[in-house]
Protein backbone atom coordinates (compact mmCIF):
# COMPACT_ATOMS: atom_id res chain seq x y z
CA MET A 1 -0.08 -0.09 -0.07
CA VAL A 2 1.22 3.29 -1.05
CA ARG A 3 1.00 5.99 1.83
CA GLU A 4 1.15 9.73 1.20
CA GLN A 5 3.89 10.15 3.76
CA ASN A 6 6.28 7.65 2.40
CA VAL A 7 5.75 9.15 -0.92
CA LYS A 8 6.74 12.57 0.36
CA LEU A 9 9.62 11.49 2.42
CA MET A 10 11.06 9.54 -0.88
CA SER A 11 10.27 12.47 -2.90
CA LYS A 12 12.24 14.63 -0.41
CA ILE A 13 15.25 12.16 -0.45
CA ALA A 14 15.37 12.01 -4.24
CA ILE A 15 15.30 15.85 -4.68
CA TYR A 16 18.11 16.29 -2.14
CA GLU A 17 20.19 13.37 -3.79
CA LYS A 18 19.62 14.82 -7.16
CA ASN A 19 20.48 18.52 -6.31
CA LYS A 20 22.81 19.08 -3.54
CA GLY A 21 23.25 15.65 -2.65
CA ARG A 22 25.70 15.07 -5.57
CA SER A 23 28.25 16.85 -3.71
CA GLU A 24 27.44 16.65 -0.12
CA ILE A 25 26.91 12.95 0.37
CA PRO A 26 30.41 11.92 -0.45
CA MET A 27 31.37 14.35 2.42
CA ASN A 28 29.66 11.97 4.61
CA SER A 29 32.11 9.40 4.46
CA PHE A 30 34.90 11.72 5.89
CA TYR A 31 35.61 13.54 9.30
CA LYS A 32 35.96 17.35 8.64
CA GLY A 33 39.71 17.08 9.45
CA ASP A 34 40.43 14.34 6.85
CA TYR A 35 37.92 16.00 4.37
CA VAL A 36 39.88 19.41 4.36
CA ARG A 37 43.27 17.96 4.39
CA ILE A 38 42.42 15.59 1.33
CA TYR A 39 40.80 18.39 -0.73
CA SER A 40 43.66 20.95 0.39
CA LEU A 41 46.12 18.63 -0.93
CA LYS A 42 44.57 18.08 -4.15
CA ALA A 43 44.37 22.11 -4.26
CA ILE A 44 47.94 22.21 -3.84
CA VAL A 45 48.71 19.66 -6.64
CA HIS A 46 46.20 21.73 -8.65
CA ALA A 47 48.12 24.99 -7.92
CA THR A 48 51.68 23.31 -8.57
CA ILE A 49 50.45 22.32 -11.98
CA ALA A 50 48.88 26.06 -12.64
CA PHE A 51 52.37 27.50 -11.34
CA VAL A 52 54.31 25.11 -13.77
CA LEU A 53 52.07 26.17 -16.63
CA ILE A 54 52.10 29.85 -15.70
CA ALA A 55 56.06 29.71 -15.50
CA ALA A 56 56.26 28.07 -18.75
CA ILE A 57 54.15 30.79 -20.35
CA VAL A 58 56.36 33.64 -18.79
CA VAL A 59 59.66 31.67 -20.19
CA SER A 60 57.96 31.49 -23.63
CA TYR A 61 56.95 35.22 -23.53
CA LYS A 62 60.61 36.42 -22.55
CA LEU A 63 62.44 33.61 -24.46
CA ASP A 64 64.33 36.17 -26.79
CA TYR A 65 65.56 37.75 -23.72
CA ILE A 66 66.62 34.42 -22.14
CA LEU A 67 68.39 33.24 -25.24
CA SER A 68 70.17 36.64 -25.92
CA ASN A 69 71.36 36.50 -22.18
CA ILE A 70 71.77 32.83 -21.50
CA LEU A 71 75.47 33.07 -20.23
CA LYS A 72 74.98 36.25 -18.33
CA VAL A 73 71.88 35.04 -16.23
CA ASP A 74 72.51 34.16 -12.26
CA TYR A 75 70.78 30.86 -12.39
CA ARG A 76 71.33 30.26 -8.65
CA SER A 77 69.55 33.48 -7.54
CA LEU A 78 66.77 32.75 -10.23
CA ALA A 79 66.10 29.48 -8.83
CA ILE A 80 66.10 30.73 -5.24
CA TYR A 81 63.60 33.58 -6.29
CA MET A 82 61.44 31.32 -8.07
CA GLY A 83 61.37 28.92 -4.98
CA ILE A 84 60.31 31.94 -2.82
CA ILE A 85 57.36 32.89 -5.19
CA TYR A 86 56.53 29.10 -5.32
CA GLY A 87 56.56 28.98 -1.49
CA CYS A 88 54.46 32.15 -1.13
CA PHE A 89 51.87 31.05 -3.77
CA ILE A 90 51.42 27.43 -2.20
CA SER A 91 50.93 28.88 1.06
CA ILE A 92 48.50 31.15 0.24
CA TYR A 93 46.53 28.92 -1.87
CA TRP A 94 46.62 26.28 0.61
CA LEU A 95 45.36 28.63 3.26
CA ILE A 96 42.70 29.65 1.09
CA ALA A 97 41.75 26.01 -0.01
CA ARG A 98 41.66 25.06 3.71
CA ILE A 99 39.16 27.94 4.60
CA ILE A 100 36.99 27.12 1.79
CA TYR A 101 36.78 23.37 2.44
CA ALA A 102 36.09 24.00 5.98
CA ARG A 103 33.38 26.17 5.25
CA ARG A 104 31.91 23.81 2.70
CA TYR A 105 31.93 21.07 4.68
CA GLU A 106 30.33 23.00 7.88
CA LYS A 107 27.61 24.28 5.64
CA ALA A 108 26.76 20.69 4.35
CA ARG A 109 26.74 19.15 7.73
CA PRO A 110 23.09 20.10 8.90
CA ASP A 111 21.69 19.05 5.34
CA ILE A 112 23.58 15.61 5.51
CA ILE A 113 22.28 14.96 9.13
CA ILE A 114 18.83 15.74 7.87
CA TYR A 115 19.13 13.24 4.84
CA ASN A 116 20.62 10.63 7.20
CA HIS A 117 17.59 10.98 9.16
CA ASP A 118 15.07 10.80 6.68
CA LEU A 119 16.93 7.65 5.23
CA LYS A 120 16.44 6.14 8.65
CA LYS A 121 12.85 7.09 8.98
CA LEU A 122 12.01 5.57 5.51
CA ARG A 123 14.11 2.24 6.28
CA GLU A 124 11.77 2.12 9.78
CA VAL A 125 8.81 2.47 8.00
CA SER A 126 9.42 -0.01 5.26
CA GLU A 127 10.61 -2.81 7.89
CA LYS A 128 7.33 -2.07 9.66
CA GLU A 129 5.53 -2.47 6.43
CA VAL A 130 7.16 -5.79 5.60
CA VAL A 131 6.56 -7.27 8.81
CA LYS A 132 3.16 -6.37 8.73
CA SER A 133 2.74 -8.02 5.25
CA LYS A 134 4.08 -11.08 6.64
CA GLY A 135 1.76 -11.31 9.35
CA GLY A 136 4.03 -10.45 12.09
CA VAL A 137 3.39 -8.01 15.06
CA VAL A 138 4.56 -4.37 15.15
CA ILE A 139 5.76 -2.76 18.23
CA HIS A 140 5.04 0.87 17.93
CA ASP A 141 8.07 2.70 19.80
CA ASP A 142 7.71 6.15 18.26
CA PHE A 143 8.37 7.85 21.61
CA ILE A 144 12.10 6.78 21.11
CA ASP A 145 14.13 8.82 18.94
CA PHE A 146 17.81 8.50 18.67
């Protein structure tokens, strides 16, 4: 028997899974610290790739100058300068990524809790209906809520 309450609950769950759930449900398998660390590490890898690409573009843009002064350039100071720029770039990018992913996790957490509660209610209702359909006795303990 189809009950209106079950249909509403299933519709609510399906709408969440289709919209916000695609990005928020995978967060449910992580603790906050693990989620922030993993995605910050991914951001650092992406930032490193972006830094290398930007450096390649700058080198190709200044290629005429580099080739004309190939023997005059102090490569040691250039490497130190590039390392400092890379360190600053990665540090700032890492800090921003940590803030963004921590906020994203905190923002999604209440929705995930509601989603899990709705799934629990739907499972309990379906288990009760299965017991009823087999002729069993259902004990109503609606006053207990975990």
